[in-house]
Amino acid sequence: MHVAVFILVVLVFVAVSGALVRLVRVPLPVLQIAMGAALAWPVRGMHVEIDPELFLLVFIPPLLFGDAYGAPKRELVALREPILDLAIGLVFFTIVGFGYALHWLVPSIPLVVAFALAAVLSPTDAVAVSSIVDRNVVPARLMHILEGESLLNDASGLVMFRFAVAAVLTGSFSFAAASLSFLYAVAAGILTGAVALFVAAKVLQLLNRIGGVPGEAQVLVMILLPFVAYLGAEHVGASGILAAVTAGLLTGGSGIFRFLGVSARIQIMSLWTTLSFVFNGTLFILLGVQLPDIIRNVPPELSSRLPVIEPILTVLALTLCLIALRFLWIWVGDIATRISARLRKHKAEPFGLRVRLAGSVAGVRGAITLAGILSLPLAMPDGSPFPARDVVIFLAAGVIICSLVIASLALPRIARGLVEPGEDAGAAEERLARVGAAKAAIARIESIAGADAGDGEVPGARLAAADSIVAGYRRRIAASDEADEGRAEAREAGRLELELRLAGIEAERTAVRAMFRRREINDHTMQALLTEITLSEALLKGRRARK
């Protein structure tokens, strides 16, 4: 009962954080950590025991699947070279450089455990970056690279983390065996993710053939997909992380949505955004809940000389070390890009100093790092405590918070002025797509309107209906026209139309509720009508937000 109440309280805090972030000038992850700490601080000794394997299973698959599903696939392919350079090369560079630096700074941490902490600190969090700085302030190319990197280095970093933990538990490490295991984990994980998606598509196809299956059942198949991919890969000794990422990346272009009913498609639209918000928020609030206990019980290895200052300086030094390693790798990569482009006689697109600095500071650590470090085993196979577990959890939590604070203070200032004013490329692309789609719709409607009338059809009714529909499409084209004058007039007409439609929808909602209060309709009828009204309102408000 206490666990259930605690979970409900955490979820309430996640919801409240979404409202509070609008009122305070604090990034959402920082606010959620502070709220978690506020929840736990009055209760001295409050500590949530988390089963490592269960923690990974609950949080990792949906988070990675959601990030992969929402990633811009075309841009990831176009920027694959810098993304892979950061997602794989920088991960190994960070593990080696940060691992040795940590072992030198805190000798009580065994080198293999230091490598494990370095591996779990390798994944970055682009979601946290977008909560710190407006996407329109950061250059689109840099933002896409950060998104692709955070997606793939989740997999590479956590795979290496698992290898490092296994080395601690077994007491042995073979580079050749680890390399072969890594290749198998990657290949089998990718294959398992693709197979899981294929199986989900077949299940949805079967449900579609049966007919009359509730949309909620189809949505449940999509919810289970990342967990099936993860567990299937772990069962065959592969990377469940890569399986979940692969399933998410392939979902959008696989055609699986054609097997979903209209109701299921509408629910899926916001499903992963909601789940990502809930799981990310829960993780940061759990970090905040752990924070008071972590601070009260600072490991003695970090406070032998200066009880308060030494732990803070250690965390700050390690965070700056991560930023410096990242800056060095991006700088060297820029030089290599210029040399390669010169040899191939291609045009290079190197980053400037400020963009390199922004990319370095933007490598904040977030939910995946927290989920990974909290999954450390509690004990060794012989029953003894896992070496330096409390120390590395303290340092990981400190680095997450410190990287968020540094990025919150520095990134908006560094990124200011990096994006030239003008129409966003994505907005221009969307405008052209709307025009193309509207022209195709007009051509199709006119061809149907010109066909022979069917038996019993009212003369002229088809042409009248077609004219009304086509007029709406022509207004859409005019609103996207290059000519400023015609575009402004069409937009003003569209704005007035939207206001009138929204006013009508509000009147519909009021009338339906009034009929329910007068007992003219029952609650089922009211809910059905309100659902239709709400969907219409959402579509109209979506159009208004994009204008």
Protein backbone atom coordinates (compact mmCIF):
# COMPACT_ATOMS: atom_id res chain seq x y z
CA MET A 1 0.00 0.00 0.00
CA HIS A 2 2.81 2.42 0.88
CA VAL A 3 4.54 1.71 -2.45
CA ALA A 4 1.32 2.34 -4.38
CA VAL A 5 0.74 5.64 -2.57
CA PHE A 6 4.36 6.69 -3.22
CA ILE A 7 3.98 5.95 -6.95
CA LEU A 8 0.79 8.01 -7.09
CA VAL A 9 2.47 10.91 -5.27
CA VAL A 10 5.39 10.82 -7.73
CA LEU A 11 2.99 10.90 -10.68
CA VAL A 12 1.15 13.86 -9.14
CA PHE A 13 4.50 15.66 -8.79
CA VAL A 14 5.29 14.92 -12.45
CA ALA A 15 1.98 16.48 -13.50
CA VAL A 16 2.47 19.51 -11.24
CA SER A 17 6.00 20.03 -12.61
CA GLY A 18 4.54 20.40 -16.11
CA ALA A 19 2.45 23.32 -14.88
CA LEU A 20 5.09 24.91 -12.62
CA VAL A 21 7.75 25.00 -15.34
CA ARG A 22 5.63 27.65 -17.08
CA LEU A 23 5.81 29.89 -14.01
CA VAL A 24 9.49 29.59 -13.04
CA ARG A 25 12.55 30.15 -15.20
CA VAL A 26 14.07 26.77 -14.42
CA PRO A 27 14.62 23.84 -16.81
CA LEU A 28 12.10 21.08 -16.28
CA PRO A 29 14.63 18.38 -15.16
CA VAL A 30 16.11 20.72 -12.53
CA LEU A 31 12.63 21.61 -11.28
CA GLN A 32 11.66 17.93 -11.02
CA ILE A 33 14.83 17.09 -9.09
CA ALA A 34 14.08 19.95 -6.69
CA MET A 35 10.49 18.75 -6.24
CA GLY A 36 11.68 15.22 -5.49
CA ALA A 37 14.12 16.56 -2.92
CA ALA A 38 11.35 18.65 -1.36
CA LEU A 39 9.24 15.52 -1.11
CA ALA A 40 11.93 13.51 0.68
CA TRP A 41 13.89 16.09 2.67
CA PRO A 42 11.52 16.33 5.69
CA VAL A 43 11.53 12.53 6.02
CA ARG A 44 14.96 11.78 7.39
CA GLY A 45 16.42 8.55 6.07
CA MET A 46 13.82 8.19 3.34
CA HIS A 47 15.32 5.94 0.67
CA VAL A 48 13.65 4.00 -2.11
CA GLU A 49 15.05 0.53 -2.68
CA ILE A 50 15.06 -0.23 -6.40
CA ASP A 51 15.59 -3.64 -7.96
CA PRO A 52 18.25 -3.02 -10.68
CA GLU A 53 16.92 -5.40 -13.34
CA LEU A 54 13.32 -4.32 -12.79
CA PHE A 55 14.37 -0.67 -12.94
CA LEU A 56 16.06 -1.18 -16.33
CA LEU A 57 13.09 -3.13 -17.70
CA VAL A 58 10.49 -0.56 -16.63
CA PHE A 59 12.27 2.62 -17.74
CA ILE A 60 14.79 1.90 -20.50
CA PRO A 61 12.64 0.28 -23.26
CA PRO A 62 9.85 2.89 -23.40
CA LEU A 63 12.27 5.82 -23.09
CA LEU A 64 14.57 4.63 -25.87
CA PHE A 65 11.70 3.49 -28.09
CA GLY A 66 9.94 6.86 -27.70
CA ASP A 67 13.12 8.82 -28.48
CA ALA A 68 13.83 6.64 -31.54
CA TYR A 69 10.24 6.84 -32.76
CA GLY A 70 10.26 10.66 -32.62
CA ALA A 71 13.74 11.10 -34.11
CA PRO A 72 14.01 12.84 -37.54
CA LYS A 73 15.06 9.84 -39.64
CA ARG A 74 16.01 11.75 -42.81
CA GLU A 75 18.29 14.10 -40.91
CA LEU A 76 19.87 11.21 -38.98
CA VAL A 77 20.78 9.52 -42.26
CA ALA A 78 22.12 12.75 -43.77
CA LEU A 79 24.24 13.48 -40.67
CA ARG A 80 25.25 9.87 -40.01
CA GLU A 81 29.00 10.54 -40.06
CA PRO A 82 29.16 13.14 -37.24
CA ILE A 83 26.44 11.28 -35.32
CA LEU A 84 28.29 7.94 -35.43
CA ASP A 85 31.55 9.74 -34.63
CA LEU A 86 30.01 11.10 -31.41
CA ALA A 87 27.80 8.12 -30.59
CA ILE A 88 30.56 5.52 -30.87
CA GLY A 89 33.97 7.20 -31.05
CA LEU A 90 33.29 9.74 -28.30
CA VAL A 91 31.79 7.06 -26.06
CA PHE A 92 35.00 5.00 -26.11
CA PHE A 93 37.13 8.15 -25.79
CA THR A 94 35.05 9.22 -22.76
CA ILE A 95 35.24 5.78 -21.14
CA VAL A 96 39.04 5.72 -21.35
CA GLY A 97 39.73 9.40 -20.59
CA PHE A 98 37.14 9.89 -17.87
CA GLY A 99 37.77 6.43 -16.35
CA TYR A 100 41.46 7.11 -15.76
CA ALA A 101 40.75 10.68 -14.60
CA LEU A 102 38.20 9.41 -12.05
CA HIS A 103 40.52 6.68 -10.78
CA TRP A 104 43.31 9.26 -10.39
CA LEU A 105 41.02 11.75 -8.64
CA VAL A 106 39.35 9.17 -6.35
CA PRO A 107 41.81 6.25 -5.99
CA SER A 108 39.39 4.29 -3.78
CA ILE A 109 37.26 3.59 -6.86
CA PRO A 110 38.62 0.50 -8.71
CA LEU A 111 39.59 1.22 -12.32
CA VAL A 112 36.96 -1.15 -13.76
CA VAL A 113 34.24 0.52 -11.66
CA ALA A 114 35.53 3.90 -12.88
CA PHE A 115 35.15 2.64 -16.46
CA ALA A 116 31.59 1.54 -15.62
CA LEU A 117 30.73 5.03 -14.33
CA ALA A 118 32.36 6.59 -17.42
CA ALA A 119 30.29 4.32 -19.66
CA VAL A 120 27.00 5.18 -17.99
CA LEU A 121 27.90 8.90 -18.12
CA SER A 122 28.53 8.68 -21.88
CA PRO A 123 24.85 8.87 -22.95
CA THR A 124 23.60 12.42 -23.40
CA ASP A 125 20.03 13.72 -23.14
CA ALA A 126 18.76 15.85 -26.03
CA VAL A 127 15.32 16.08 -24.35
CA ALA A 128 16.93 17.87 -21.40
CA VAL A 129 18.74 20.21 -23.83
CA SER A 130 15.48 21.15 -25.56
CA SER A 131 13.98 21.96 -22.14
CA ILE A 132 16.90 24.28 -21.39
CA VAL A 133 17.09 26.24 -24.62
CA ASP A 134 14.59 26.97 -27.39
CA ARG A 135 15.14 24.76 -30.45
CA ASN A 136 14.94 27.87 -32.64
CA VAL A 137 18.04 29.26 -30.91
CA VAL A 138 20.27 26.23 -31.56
CA PRO A 139 21.27 25.62 -35.21
CA ALA A 140 19.10 22.87 -36.72
CA ARG A 141 22.15 20.86 -37.85
CA LEU A 142 23.62 20.85 -34.34
CA MET A 143 20.26 19.93 -32.77
CA HIS A 144 19.80 17.00 -35.15
CA ILE A 145 23.31 15.77 -34.38
CA LEU A 146 22.61 16.00 -30.65
CA GLU A 147 19.34 14.07 -31.09
CA GLY A 148 20.97 11.34 -33.15
CA GLU A 149 23.93 11.12 -30.80
CA SER A 150 21.76 10.87 -27.69
CA LEU A 151 19.75 8.12 -29.35
CA LEU A 152 22.69 5.95 -30.40
CA ASN A 153 25.08 6.64 -27.53
CA ASP A 154 22.36 5.44 -25.15
CA ALA A 155 22.86 2.05 -26.75
CA SER A 156 26.67 2.09 -27.05
CA GLY A 157 27.21 3.59 -23.59
CA LEU A 158 24.85 1.24 -21.77
CA VAL A 159 26.17 -1.81 -23.65
CA MET A 160 29.71 -0.94 -22.50
CA PHE A 161 28.35 -0.27 -19.01
CA ARG A 162 26.95 -3.80 -18.88
CA PHE A 163 30.32 -5.21 -19.97
CA ALA A 164 32.17 -3.19 -17.31
CA VAL A 165 29.76 -4.33 -14.58
CA ALA A 166 30.15 -7.94 -15.74
CA ALA A 167 33.94 -7.52 -15.49
CA VAL A 168 33.57 -6.26 -11.90
CA LEU A 169 31.33 -9.19 -10.98
CA THR A 170 33.51 -11.87 -12.59
CA GLY A 171 36.88 -10.29 -11.82
CA SER A 172 38.18 -10.91 -15.35
CA PHE A 173 38.16 -9.04 -18.65
CA SER A 174 39.29 -10.14 -22.12
CA PHE A 175 39.46 -7.48 -24.83
CA ALA A 176 39.05 -10.04 -27.63
CA ALA A 177 36.11 -11.76 -25.94
CA ALA A 178 34.52 -8.41 -25.09
CA SER A 179 34.89 -7.24 -28.72
CA LEU A 180 33.22 -10.37 -30.06
CA SER A 181 30.49 -10.13 -27.44
CA PHE A 182 29.97 -6.48 -28.32
CA LEU A 183 29.59 -7.25 -32.05
CA TYR A 184 27.16 -10.09 -31.28
CA ALA A 185 25.16 -7.89 -28.88
CA VAL A 186 24.89 -5.16 -31.52
CA ALA A 187 24.01 -7.41 -34.48
CA ALA A 188 21.61 -9.65 -32.58
CA GLY A 189 20.02 -6.66 -30.83
CA ILE A 190 19.30 -4.90 -34.13
CA LEU A 191 17.91 -8.12 -35.62
CA THR A 192 15.73 -8.80 -32.57
CA GLY A 193 14.28 -5.27 -32.72
CA ALA A 194 13.36 -5.75 -36.38
CA VAL A 195 11.82 -9.17 -35.64
CA ALA A 196 9.78 -7.77 -32.73
CA LEU A 197 8.40 -5.05 -35.01
CA PHE A 198 7.54 -7.66 -37.66
CA VAL A 199 5.71 -9.77 -35.07
CA ALA A 200 3.79 -6.70 -33.79
CA ALA A 201 2.77 -5.85 -37.37
CA LYS A 202 1.49 -9.38 -37.91
CA VAL A 203 -0.49 -9.27 -34.66
CA LEU A 204 -2.06 -5.94 -35.64
CA GLN A 205 -2.81 -7.31 -39.12
CA LEU A 206 -4.58 -10.29 -37.54
CA LEU A 207 -6.61 -8.02 -35.23
CA ASN A 208 -7.50 -5.88 -38.23
CA ARG A 209 -8.78 -8.90 -40.13
CA ILE A 210 -10.91 -10.05 -37.20
CA GLY A 211 -12.67 -6.68 -37.22
CA GLY A 212 -14.48 -4.93 -34.40
CA VAL A 213 -11.39 -5.06 -32.17
CA PRO A 214 -11.28 -2.05 -29.78
CA GLY A 215 -8.64 0.55 -30.59
CA GLU A 216 -7.29 0.18 -27.06
CA ALA A 217 -6.24 -3.42 -27.82
CA GLN A 218 -4.25 -2.22 -30.84
CA VAL A 219 -2.66 0.54 -28.78
CA LEU A 220 -1.66 -2.06 -26.17
CA VAL A 221 0.26 -3.98 -28.84
CA MET A 222 2.26 -0.81 -29.56
CA ILE A 223 2.90 -0.25 -25.84
CA LEU A 224 4.20 -3.81 -25.45
CA LEU A 225 6.44 -3.60 -28.54
CA PRO A 226 9.53 -2.02 -26.86
CA PHE A 227 9.29 -4.40 -23.91
CA VAL A 228 9.01 -7.45 -26.20
CA ALA A 229 12.01 -6.25 -28.20
CA TYR A 230 14.04 -5.64 -25.05
CA LEU A 231 13.19 -8.93 -23.34
CA GLY A 232 13.62 -10.93 -26.55
CA ALA A 233 17.12 -9.55 -27.08
CA GLU A 234 18.11 -10.07 -23.44
CA HIS A 235 16.86 -13.68 -23.67
CA VAL A 236 19.31 -14.46 -26.48
CA GLY A 237 22.18 -12.60 -24.82
CA ALA A 238 21.97 -9.57 -27.12
CA SER A 239 21.49 -5.88 -26.38
CA GLY A 240 17.90 -5.18 -25.36
CA ILE A 241 18.76 -1.49 -25.54
CA LEU A 242 19.62 -1.68 -29.24
CA ALA A 243 16.56 -3.83 -29.87
CA ALA A 244 14.26 -1.16 -28.41
CA VAL A 245 16.06 1.59 -30.37
CA THR A 246 15.84 -0.40 -33.62
CA ALA A 247 12.14 -1.08 -33.16
CA GLY A 248 11.52 2.62 -32.54
CA LEU A 249 13.57 3.76 -35.54
CA LEU A 250 11.83 1.36 -37.93
CA THR A 251 8.28 1.87 -36.64
CA GLY A 252 7.54 5.11 -38.50
CA GLY A 253 8.53 3.86 -41.95
CA SER A 254 7.44 0.24 -41.59
CA GLY A 255 3.82 0.77 -42.61
CA ILE A 256 2.60 -0.74 -39.34
CA PHE A 257 0.11 2.11 -38.86
CA ARG A 258 -2.00 0.97 -41.80
CA PHE A 259 -3.14 -1.93 -39.61
CA LEU A 260 -4.42 0.45 -36.91
CA GLY A 261 -7.97 1.72 -36.77
CA VAL A 262 -8.75 5.44 -36.70
CA SER A 263 -9.30 5.45 -32.92
CA ALA A 264 -5.97 3.68 -32.31
CA ARG A 265 -4.12 6.07 -34.61
CA ILE A 266 -5.47 9.08 -32.73
CA GLN A 267 -4.40 7.59 -29.41
CA ILE A 268 -0.93 6.66 -30.74
CA MET A 269 -0.34 10.27 -31.84
CA SER A 270 0.19 11.43 -28.27
CA LEU A 271 1.00 8.11 -26.60
CA TRP A 272 4.79 8.20 -26.75
CA THR A 273 4.99 11.92 -26.00
CA THR A 274 2.95 11.30 -22.85
CA LEU A 275 4.94 8.21 -21.84
CA SER A 276 8.23 10.00 -22.43
CA PHE A 277 7.11 12.91 -20.25
CA VAL A 278 5.93 10.59 -17.47
CA PHE A 279 8.99 8.33 -17.45
CA ASN A 280 11.52 11.17 -17.74
CA GLY A 281 9.75 13.11 -15.02
CA THR A 282 9.54 10.07 -12.77
CA LEU A 283 13.26 9.42 -13.12
CA PHE A 284 14.24 12.97 -12.22
CA ILE A 285 11.84 13.07 -9.27
CA LEU A 286 13.27 9.75 -8.07
CA LEU A 287 16.73 11.31 -8.30
CA GLY A 288 15.46 14.20 -6.18
CA VAL A 289 13.97 11.74 -3.67
CA GLN A 290 17.35 10.03 -3.38
CA LEU A 291 19.23 13.35 -3.16
CA PRO A 292 18.72 14.26 0.54
CA ASP A 293 19.82 10.80 1.65
CA ILE A 294 22.80 10.95 -0.73
CA ILE A 295 23.84 14.36 0.65
CA ARG A 296 23.40 13.30 4.27
CA ASN A 297 25.55 10.23 3.65
CA VAL A 298 28.36 11.60 1.53
CA PRO A 299 30.86 8.72 1.06
CA PRO A 300 33.88 9.20 3.37
CA GLU A 301 36.18 8.76 0.37
CA LEU A 302 34.98 12.16 -0.90
CA SER A 303 35.01 14.08 2.40
CA SER A 304 38.20 13.04 4.15
CA ARG A 305 39.74 16.53 4.13
CA LEU A 306 37.02 19.11 3.45
CA PRO A 307 33.62 17.58 4.35
CA VAL A 308 31.43 19.97 2.32
CA ILE A 309 33.70 21.54 -0.27
CA GLU A 310 35.58 18.45 -1.42
CA PRO A 311 32.51 16.52 -2.76
CA ILE A 312 31.30 19.64 -4.61
CA LEU A 313 34.72 20.29 -6.13
CA THR A 314 35.03 16.64 -7.15
CA VAL A 315 31.67 16.67 -8.94
CA LEU A 316 32.48 20.01 -10.60
CA ALA A 317 35.90 18.77 -11.73
CA LEU A 318 34.41 15.58 -13.21
CA THR A 319 31.69 17.53 -15.03
CA LEU A 320 34.26 19.92 -16.51
CA CYS A 321 36.36 16.91 -17.47
CA LEU A 322 33.43 15.49 -19.47
CA ILE A 323 32.88 18.84 -21.19
CA ALA A 324 36.59 19.17 -21.99
CA LEU A 325 36.78 15.63 -23.43
CA ARG A 326 33.73 16.35 -25.54
CA PHE A 327 35.12 19.68 -26.78
CA LEU A 328 38.46 18.04 -27.67
CA TRP A 329 36.76 15.24 -29.60
CA ILE A 330 34.51 17.65 -31.56
CA TRP A 331 37.50 19.87 -32.34
CA VAL A 332 39.62 16.97 -33.60
CA GLY A 333 36.62 15.69 -35.56
CA ASP A 334 36.27 19.10 -37.22
CA ILE A 335 39.92 19.01 -38.28
CA ALA A 336 39.50 15.48 -39.65
CA THR A 337 36.37 16.55 -41.56
CA ARG A 338 38.21 19.43 -43.21
CA ILE A 339 41.15 17.20 -44.19
CA SER A 340 38.86 14.47 -45.54
CA ALA A 341 36.80 16.97 -47.54
CA ARG A 342 39.96 18.49 -49.02
CA LEU A 343 41.25 15.08 -50.07
CA ARG A 344 37.92 14.14 -51.65
CA LYS A 345 37.54 17.66 -53.10
CA HIS A 346 34.22 18.13 -51.36
CA LYS A 347 32.89 21.19 -49.55
CA ALA A 348 33.39 20.88 -45.80
CA GLU A 349 30.90 22.13 -43.21
CA PRO A 350 33.05 22.57 -40.09
CA PHE A 351 31.67 23.96 -36.85
CA GLY A 352 32.82 27.32 -35.60
CA LEU A 353 34.29 27.81 -32.12
CA ARG A 354 30.97 28.86 -30.58
CA VAL A 355 29.09 25.93 -32.13
CA ARG A 356 31.77 23.52 -30.85
CA LEU A 357 31.48 25.07 -27.40
CA ALA A 358 27.66 24.87 -27.55
CA GLY A 359 27.85 21.23 -28.62
CA SER A 360 30.20 20.49 -25.71
CA VAL A 361 28.07 22.18 -23.05
CA ALA A 362 24.89 20.66 -24.53
CA GLY A 363 26.11 17.16 -23.75
CA VAL A 364 24.11 17.07 -20.52
CA ARG A 365 23.44 13.81 -18.73
CA GLY A 366 19.90 12.83 -17.91
CA ALA A 367 17.36 10.06 -17.50
CA ILE A 368 19.30 7.23 -19.18
CA THR A 369 22.39 7.85 -17.06
CA LEU A 370 20.25 7.85 -13.93
CA ALA A 371 18.44 4.65 -14.92
CA GLY A 372 21.74 2.95 -15.68
CA ILE A 373 23.61 3.90 -12.51
CA LEU A 374 20.67 2.94 -10.25
CA SER A 375 20.71 -0.50 -11.89
CA LEU A 376 24.14 -1.32 -10.39
CA PRO A 377 24.03 -4.63 -8.49
CA LEU A 378 23.76 -4.33 -4.73
CA ALA A 379 26.22 -7.17 -4.04
CA MET A 380 28.92 -9.31 -5.59
CA PRO A 381 28.35 -13.03 -6.27
CA ASP A 382 29.98 -13.90 -2.93
CA GLY A 383 27.55 -11.64 -1.04
CA SER A 384 29.99 -8.79 -0.39
CA PRO A 385 28.87 -5.23 -1.27
CA PHE A 386 29.45 -4.02 -4.83
CA PRO A 387 32.70 -1.98 -4.69
CA ALA A 388 32.27 1.80 -4.41
CA ARG A 389 28.58 1.59 -5.34
CA ASP A 390 27.50 4.49 -3.11
CA VAL A 391 30.41 6.61 -4.34
CA VAL A 392 29.67 6.21 -8.05
CA ILE A 393 25.93 6.75 -7.53
CA PHE A 394 26.72 9.96 -5.63
CA LEU A 395 29.10 11.11 -8.39
CA ALA A 396 26.67 10.20 -11.18
CA ALA A 397 23.83 12.10 -9.49
CA GLY A 398 26.13 15.06 -8.92
CA VAL A 399 27.33 15.12 -12.54
CA ILE A 400 23.73 14.95 -13.84
CA ILE A 401 22.73 17.95 -11.72
CA CYS A 402 25.95 19.88 -12.37
CA SER A 403 25.78 19.35 -16.16
CA LEU A 404 22.16 20.53 -16.15
CA VAL A 405 23.02 23.65 -14.13
CA ILE A 406 26.06 24.54 -16.29
CA ALA A 407 24.05 24.04 -19.49
CA SER A 408 21.15 26.08 -18.08
CA LEU A 409 23.46 29.02 -17.30
CA ALA A 410 25.85 28.86 -20.25
CA LEU A 411 24.02 27.36 -23.24
CA PRO A 412 21.45 30.15 -23.84
CA ARG A 413 24.29 32.71 -23.81
CA ILE A 414 26.57 30.67 -26.07
CA ALA A 415 23.79 29.85 -28.55
CA ARG A 416 22.42 33.41 -28.77
CA GLY A 417 22.86 34.69 -32.33
CA LEU A 418 23.99 31.38 -33.84
CA VAL A 419 20.78 31.05 -35.90
CA GLU A 420 20.32 33.64 -38.63
CA PRO A 421 16.87 35.31 -38.68
CA GLY A 422 14.54 34.12 -41.42
CA GLU A 423 12.02 31.42 -42.19
CA ASP A 424 12.79 28.10 -40.59
CA ALA A 425 13.67 25.39 -43.13
CA GLY A 426 11.22 23.01 -41.51
CA ALA A 427 8.41 25.57 -41.74
CA ALA A 428 9.14 26.19 -45.43
CA GLU A 429 9.14 22.46 -46.08
CA GLU A 430 5.81 22.07 -44.28
CA ARG A 431 4.33 24.95 -46.29
CA LEU A 432 5.33 23.36 -49.60
CA ALA A 433 3.97 19.99 -48.47
CA ARG A 434 0.63 21.58 -47.56
CA VAL A 435 0.38 23.21 -50.98
CA GLY A 436 1.21 19.93 -52.76
CA ALA A 437 -1.29 17.95 -50.71
CA ALA A 438 -4.02 20.56 -51.25
CA LYS A 439 -3.48 20.61 -55.02
CA ALA A 440 -3.66 16.80 -55.14
CA ALA A 441 -6.92 16.91 -53.12
CA ILE A 442 -8.44 19.54 -55.45
CA ALA A 443 -7.58 17.49 -58.55
CA ARG A 444 -9.12 14.37 -57.06
CA ILE A 445 -12.30 16.13 -55.87
CA GLU A 446 -12.81 17.84 -59.25
CA SER A 447 -12.43 14.52 -61.08
CA ILE A 448 -15.07 12.95 -58.81
CA ALA A 449 -17.36 15.97 -59.16
CA GLY A 450 -17.18 15.72 -62.96
CA ALA A 451 -18.25 12.07 -62.98
CA ASP A 452 -21.77 11.04 -63.89
CA ALA A 453 -24.34 11.38 -61.12
CA GLY A 454 -25.54 8.17 -59.50
CA ASP A 455 -29.09 6.90 -59.33
CA GLY A 456 -31.25 8.91 -56.96
CA GLU A 457 -28.64 11.66 -56.55
CA VAL A 458 -29.97 15.21 -56.29
CA PRO A 459 -28.93 17.19 -59.41
CA GLY A 460 -26.16 19.66 -58.69
CA ALA A 461 -25.60 18.38 -55.15
CA ARG A 462 -22.22 16.84 -56.02
CA LEU A 463 -20.93 20.04 -57.67
CA ALA A 464 -22.15 22.18 -54.78
CA ALA A 465 -20.43 19.95 -52.23
CA ALA A 466 -17.23 19.86 -54.32
CA ASP A 467 -17.19 23.68 -54.66
CA SER A 468 -17.49 24.08 -50.89
CA ILE A 469 -14.65 21.64 -50.19
CA VAL A 470 -12.38 22.95 -52.95
CA ALA A 471 -12.83 26.52 -51.67
CA GLY A 472 -11.31 25.46 -48.34
CA TYR A 473 -8.32 23.87 -50.10
CA ARG A 474 -7.79 27.00 -52.23
CA ARG A 475 -7.73 29.12 -49.07
CA ARG A 476 -5.05 26.80 -47.69
CA ILE A 477 -2.98 27.26 -50.85
CA ALA A 478 -3.44 31.04 -50.73
CA ALA A 479 -2.35 31.12 -47.08
CA SER A 480 0.88 29.38 -48.12
CA ASP A 481 1.46 31.59 -51.18
CA GLU A 482 4.80 33.34 -51.63
CA ALA A 483 3.08 36.68 -52.29
CA ASP A 484 2.92 38.59 -49.03
CA GLU A 485 -0.27 40.55 -49.83
CA GLY A 486 -2.39 37.58 -50.90
CA ARG A 487 -0.93 35.49 -48.14
CA ALA A 488 -1.78 38.08 -45.46
CA GLU A 489 -5.38 38.38 -46.72
CA ALA A 490 -5.85 34.60 -46.81
CA ARG A 491 -4.32 34.22 -43.36
CA GLU A 492 -6.63 36.86 -41.91
CA ALA A 493 -9.63 35.11 -43.45
CA GLY A 494 -8.37 31.78 -42.12
CA ARG A 495 -7.86 33.27 -38.64
CA LEU A 496 -11.42 34.62 -38.57
CA GLU A 497 -12.77 31.28 -39.80
CA LEU A 498 -10.90 29.43 -37.05
CA GLU A 499 -12.21 31.81 -34.39
CA LEU A 500 -15.78 31.32 -35.59
CA ARG A 501 -15.40 27.54 -35.75
CA LEU A 502 -13.92 27.45 -32.23
CA ALA A 503 -16.73 29.65 -30.95
CA GLY A 504 -19.24 27.26 -32.52
CA ILE A 505 -17.51 24.27 -30.94
CA GLU A 506 -17.64 25.92 -27.50
CA ALA A 507 -21.35 26.53 -28.00
CA GLU A 508 -21.80 22.85 -28.97
CA ARG A 509 -20.01 21.74 -25.81
CA THR A 510 -22.12 24.02 -23.61
CA ALA A 511 -25.35 22.82 -25.24
CA VAL A 512 -24.43 19.13 -24.81
CA ARG A 513 -23.64 19.61 -21.12
CA ALA A 514 -26.86 21.56 -20.64
CA MET A 515 -28.87 18.73 -22.25
CA PHE A 516 -27.15 16.26 -19.92
CA ARG A 517 -28.01 18.36 -16.85
CA ARG A 518 -31.65 18.51 -18.03
CA ARG A 519 -31.52 14.68 -18.39
CA GLU A 520 -32.37 14.91 -22.08
CA ILE A 521 -29.36 12.69 -22.88
CA ASN A 522 -27.48 10.12 -20.79
CA ASP A 523 -23.79 10.16 -19.91
CA HIS A 524 -22.81 7.75 -22.74
CA THR A 525 -24.34 10.04 -25.35
CA MET A 526 -22.70 13.05 -23.74
CA GLN A 527 -19.24 11.40 -23.71
CA ALA A 528 -19.55 10.33 -27.36
CA LEU A 529 -20.51 13.86 -28.46
CA LEU A 530 -17.87 15.53 -26.28
CA THR A 531 -15.19 13.22 -27.69
CA GLU A 532 -16.10 14.23 -31.25
CA ILE A 533 -16.17 17.91 -30.27
CA THR A 534 -12.80 17.63 -28.52
CA LEU A 535 -11.15 15.99 -31.54
CA SER A 536 -12.49 18.73 -33.83
CA GLU A 537 -11.25 21.39 -31.41
CA ALA A 538 -7.80 19.76 -31.21
CA LEU A 539 -7.48 19.78 -35.00
CA LEU A 540 -8.51 23.43 -35.22
CA LYS A 541 -6.18 24.51 -32.40
CA GLY A 542 -3.38 22.56 -34.05
CA ARG A 543 -3.97 24.52 -37.24
CA ARG A 544 -3.98 27.81 -35.29
CA ALA A 545 -0.72 26.91 -33.50
CA ARG A 546 1.03 26.23 -36.81
CA LYS A 547 -0.04 29.51 -38.39
